[in-house]
C-alpha cells in the first residue's frame, strides 16, 4: 500500500514489484527493478528514503528515515543491487551498492555501510559507524566507531562501551533513564502528531 504523508507520496518505478501487504509511506523513491516483499515497511519521517535500481527488500524488513522538525534529520539510502533480508532494520543510514544484510541485521542513523559489504544475521552497525567497502560484520557481531577505525566484535558489552551509547544519553543531563525514555517518547509523539497520512 502506498501512503501519502504530509502531501508527499512515494514515487515508485513502473517496473518495481511491491507486495500488496508492504507499506510505502511518504517521501520514498523506489528505483527501477526493485522488489519489496510482504510485510516490509519503507517509511519516511520527512527526510527522503531512496532505493536505487535493483534493490531487493525481503519480507518484514523496516527501512526508514529519521527526524525532521523535532530531531536531527537522517535520510535513508540503499545502493543499487543490494539485498536486504527478512526482519532487517535500517534507520537513517546509507547502505552502498551491492551490499547484503542478512536476517535481523540492524544499522542505525548516520552509519555508512561501504560498497560490497556483508552484514551477518543479527549483526548491529552502531550509530555513525563508517564501514569501509568490502567489510564483513559476522553473525551477532557489532561494528562500532573506534577513532578513525572500526571495531568489529562479538562482545556486546565492549561494543556498548566503545559506542558509548549509555554514557552519551547520561551525559546529556538525562541520568534518570525513565525520564530519558519519557523525553524520547514525547519527541516521537510530537513528530507523529505532525503527520497527515492518506492511502493512495
Protein backbone atom coordinates (compact mmCIF):
# COMPACT_ATOMS: atom_id res chain seq x y z
CA UNK A 1 0.00 0.00 0.00
CA UNK A 2 1.24 3.46 -0.89
CA UNK A 3 0.58 6.13 1.73
CA UNK A 4 0.91 9.88 1.32
CA UNK A 5 2.36 11.71 4.35
CA UNK A 6 2.05 15.49 4.66
CA UNK A 7 1.05 15.73 1.00
CA UNK A 8 4.17 13.84 -0.15
CA UNK A 9 3.61 10.42 -1.68
CA UNK A 10 6.02 7.70 -2.70
CA UNK A 11 7.44 7.59 -6.22
CA UNK A 12 7.79 4.02 -7.45
CA UNK A 13 9.37 2.98 -10.76
CA UNK A 14 6.89 1.34 -13.11
CA UNK A 15 8.77 -1.97 -13.20
CA UNK A 16 9.29 -2.21 -9.41
CA UNK A 17 7.43 -5.08 -7.74
CA UNK A 18 5.79 -4.14 -4.45
CA UNK A 19 3.93 -6.84 -2.47
CA UNK A 20 0.35 -5.96 -1.65
CA UNK A 21 0.95 -6.11 2.12
CA UNK A 22 4.06 -3.88 2.02
CA UNK A 23 3.66 -0.29 3.28
CA UNK A 24 5.47 2.52 1.44
CA UNK A 25 4.94 5.80 3.32
CA UNK A 26 5.74 9.41 2.44
CA UNK A 27 8.92 10.75 0.83
CA UNK A 28 10.12 7.45 -0.65
CA UNK A 29 11.74 6.91 -4.05
CA UNK A 30 11.92 3.31 -5.29
CA UNK A 31 14.08 2.76 -8.36
CA UNK A 32 13.82 0.53 -11.40
CA UNK A 33 13.71 -3.21 -10.92
CA UNK A 34 13.33 -3.06 -7.12
CA UNK A 35 11.42 -5.76 -5.24
CA UNK A 36 9.72 -5.16 -1.87
CA UNK A 37 8.36 -8.24 -0.09
CA UNK A 38 5.26 -8.84 2.02
CA UNK A 39 5.05 -7.03 5.33
CA UNK A 40 8.02 -4.77 4.61
CA UNK A 41 7.70 -1.16 5.75
CA UNK A 42 9.54 1.61 3.95
CA UNK A 43 8.72 4.86 5.71
CA UNK A 44 9.88 8.46 5.63
CA UNK A 45 9.55 10.62 8.71
CA UNK A 46 10.20 13.57 6.38
CA UNK A 47 13.76 13.06 5.09
CA UNK A 48 14.00 11.06 1.86
CA UNK A 49 14.19 7.29 1.68
CA UNK A 50 15.74 6.11 -1.59
CA UNK A 51 16.19 2.64 -3.02
CA UNK A 52 18.46 2.67 -6.07
CA UNK A 53 17.89 0.33 -9.03
CA UNK A 54 17.64 -3.40 -8.39
CA UNK A 55 17.36 -3.32 -4.58
CA UNK A 56 15.56 -6.29 -3.01
CA UNK A 57 13.87 -5.83 0.39
CA UNK A 58 12.59 -9.15 1.77
CA UNK A 59 9.51 -9.68 3.98
CA UNK A 60 9.27 -7.95 7.34
CA UNK A 61 12.17 -5.56 6.84
CA UNK A 62 11.83 -1.99 8.16
CA UNK A 63 13.61 0.76 6.22
CA UNK A 64 13.07 4.31 7.46
CA UNK A 65 14.46 7.80 7.58
CA UNK A 66 14.70 9.57 10.92
CA UNK A 67 13.96 13.02 12.23
CA UNK A 68 12.84 16.24 10.71
CA UNK A 69 11.20 19.08 12.59
CA UNK A 70 11.63 17.61 16.09
CA UNK A 71 15.09 15.99 15.90
CA UNK A 72 18.10 15.80 13.58
CA UNK A 73 17.29 14.56 10.07
CA UNK A 74 18.85 11.36 8.75
CA UNK A 75 17.77 10.36 5.23
CA UNK A 76 17.97 6.71 4.23
CA UNK A 77 19.56 5.28 1.07
CA UNK A 78 20.13 1.75 -0.21
CA UNK A 79 22.55 1.46 -3.13
CA UNK A 80 21.89 -0.45 -6.33
CA UNK A 81 21.59 -4.22 -6.31
CA UNK A 82 21.73 -4.56 -2.53
CA UNK A 83 19.82 -7.34 -0.78
CA UNK A 84 18.02 -6.57 2.49
CA UNK A 85 17.00 -9.75 4.31
CA UNK A 86 13.89 -10.53 6.34
CA UNK A 87 13.36 -8.58 9.58
CA UNK A 88 16.30 -6.25 8.89
CA UNK A 89 16.03 -2.78 10.47
CA UNK A 90 17.69 0.13 8.66
CA UNK A 91 17.31 3.55 10.29
CA UNK A 92 18.59 6.77 8.73
CA UNK A 93 21.75 5.22 7.31
CA UNK A 94 23.46 4.62 3.97
CA UNK A 95 23.88 1.15 2.52
CA UNK A 96 26.15 1.42 -0.51
CA UNK A 97 25.75 -0.66 -3.70
CA UNK A 98 25.93 -4.46 -3.78
CA UNK A 99 25.62 -4.99 -0.01
CA UNK A 100 23.89 -7.86 1.77
CA UNK A 101 22.16 -7.52 5.15
CA UNK A 102 21.14 -10.94 6.49
CA UNK A 103 18.09 -11.69 8.63
CA UNK A 104 17.70 -9.43 11.65
CA UNK A 105 20.67 -7.15 10.94
CA UNK A 106 20.34 -3.60 12.32
CA UNK A 107 22.01 -0.41 11.06
CA UNK A 108 21.48 2.87 12.90
CA UNK A 109 21.42 6.55 11.96
CA UNK A 110 24.46 8.17 10.50
CA UNK A 111 26.13 4.84 9.73
CA UNK A 112 27.53 4.11 6.27
CA UNK A 113 27.99 0.53 5.09
CA UNK A 114 30.58 0.54 2.31
CA UNK A 115 30.02 -0.99 -1.12
CA UNK A 116 30.08 -4.78 -1.31
CA UNK A 117 29.81 -5.30 2.46
CA UNK A 118 28.10 -8.21 4.16
CA UNK A 119 26.19 -7.98 7.46
CA UNK A 120 25.60 -11.34 9.15
CA UNK A 121 22.33 -12.40 10.77
CA UNK A 122 21.59 -10.38 13.89
CA UNK A 123 24.59 -8.10 13.43
CA UNK A 124 24.50 -4.47 14.57
CA UNK A 125 26.15 -1.44 12.97
CA UNK A 126 26.07 1.28 15.61
CA UNK A 127 25.31 5.00 15.22
CA UNK A 128 27.77 6.91 12.98
CA UNK A 129 29.91 3.86 12.17
CA UNK A 130 31.65 4.16 8.78
CA UNK A 131 32.30 0.64 7.46
CA UNK A 132 34.82 0.55 4.61
CA UNK A 133 33.91 -1.17 1.31
CA UNK A 134 34.03 -4.95 1.45
CA UNK A 135 33.53 -5.14 5.23
CA UNK A 136 32.13 -8.25 6.88
CA UNK A 137 30.28 -7.99 10.19
CA UNK A 138 29.70 -11.57 11.36
CA UNK A 139 26.57 -13.11 12.81
CA UNK A 140 25.64 -11.39 16.09
CA UNK A 141 28.68 -9.09 15.86
CA UNK A 142 28.73 -5.33 16.43
CA UNK A 143 30.50 -2.68 14.37
CA UNK A 144 31.34 0.49 16.31
CA UNK A 145 33.48 3.58 15.65
CA UNK A 146 36.96 3.37 17.20
CA UNK A 147 38.70 6.65 16.45
CA UNK A 148 39.49 6.62 12.73
CA UNK A 149 38.94 2.85 12.59
CA UNK A 150 36.03 0.47 13.10
CA UNK A 151 35.93 -2.21 15.82
CA UNK A 152 34.00 -5.37 14.89
CA UNK A 153 33.37 -7.59 17.90
CA UNK A 154 31.04 -10.27 19.25
CA UNK A 155 31.44 -8.78 22.74
CA UNK A 156 28.22 -6.81 23.23
CA UNK A 157 29.46 -5.15 26.44
CA UNK A 158 32.65 -3.97 24.73
CA UNK A 159 30.66 -2.72 21.73
CA UNK A 160 28.31 -0.79 24.01
CA UNK A 161 31.27 0.73 25.87
CA UNK A 162 33.02 1.66 22.61
CA UNK A 163 29.84 3.12 21.11
CA UNK A 164 29.42 4.96 24.42
CA UNK A 165 25.65 4.85 23.93
CA UNK A 166 24.69 4.75 27.60
CA UNK A 167 27.09 7.46 28.71
CA UNK A 168 26.08 9.72 25.80
CA UNK A 169 22.50 9.55 27.00
CA UNK A 170 23.54 10.16 30.60
CA UNK A 171 25.94 12.98 29.70
CA UNK A 172 23.04 14.74 28.02
CA UNK A 173 21.77 15.57 31.50
CA UNK A 174 19.44 12.59 31.48
CA UNK A 175 20.85 10.45 34.26
CA UNK A 176 17.32 9.27 35.05
CA UNK A 177 16.65 6.61 32.39
CA UNK A 178 12.88 6.74 32.92
CA UNK A 179 12.97 10.50 32.26
CA UNK A 180 15.15 9.94 29.17
CA UNK A 181 12.69 7.33 27.86
CA UNK A 182 9.74 9.66 28.51
CA UNK A 183 11.52 12.50 26.69
CA UNK A 184 12.25 10.25 23.69
CA UNK A 185 8.65 9.05 23.61
CA UNK A 186 7.37 12.65 23.77
CA UNK A 187 9.58 13.69 20.84
CA UNK A 188 8.28 10.80 18.72
CA UNK A 189 4.67 11.58 19.67
CA UNK A 190 5.21 15.22 18.62
CA UNK A 191 6.72 14.06 15.34
CA UNK A 192 3.80 11.70 14.64
CA UNK A 193 1.26 14.40 15.54
CA UNK A 194 2.58 16.43 12.59
CA UNK A 195 1.83 13.65 10.10
CA UNK A 196 -1.27 13.55 7.95
CA UNK A 197 -1.33 10.16 6.24
CA UNK A 198 -3.66 9.28 3.34
CA UNK A 199 -3.81 5.98 1.44
CA UNK A 200 -3.21 6.44 -2.30
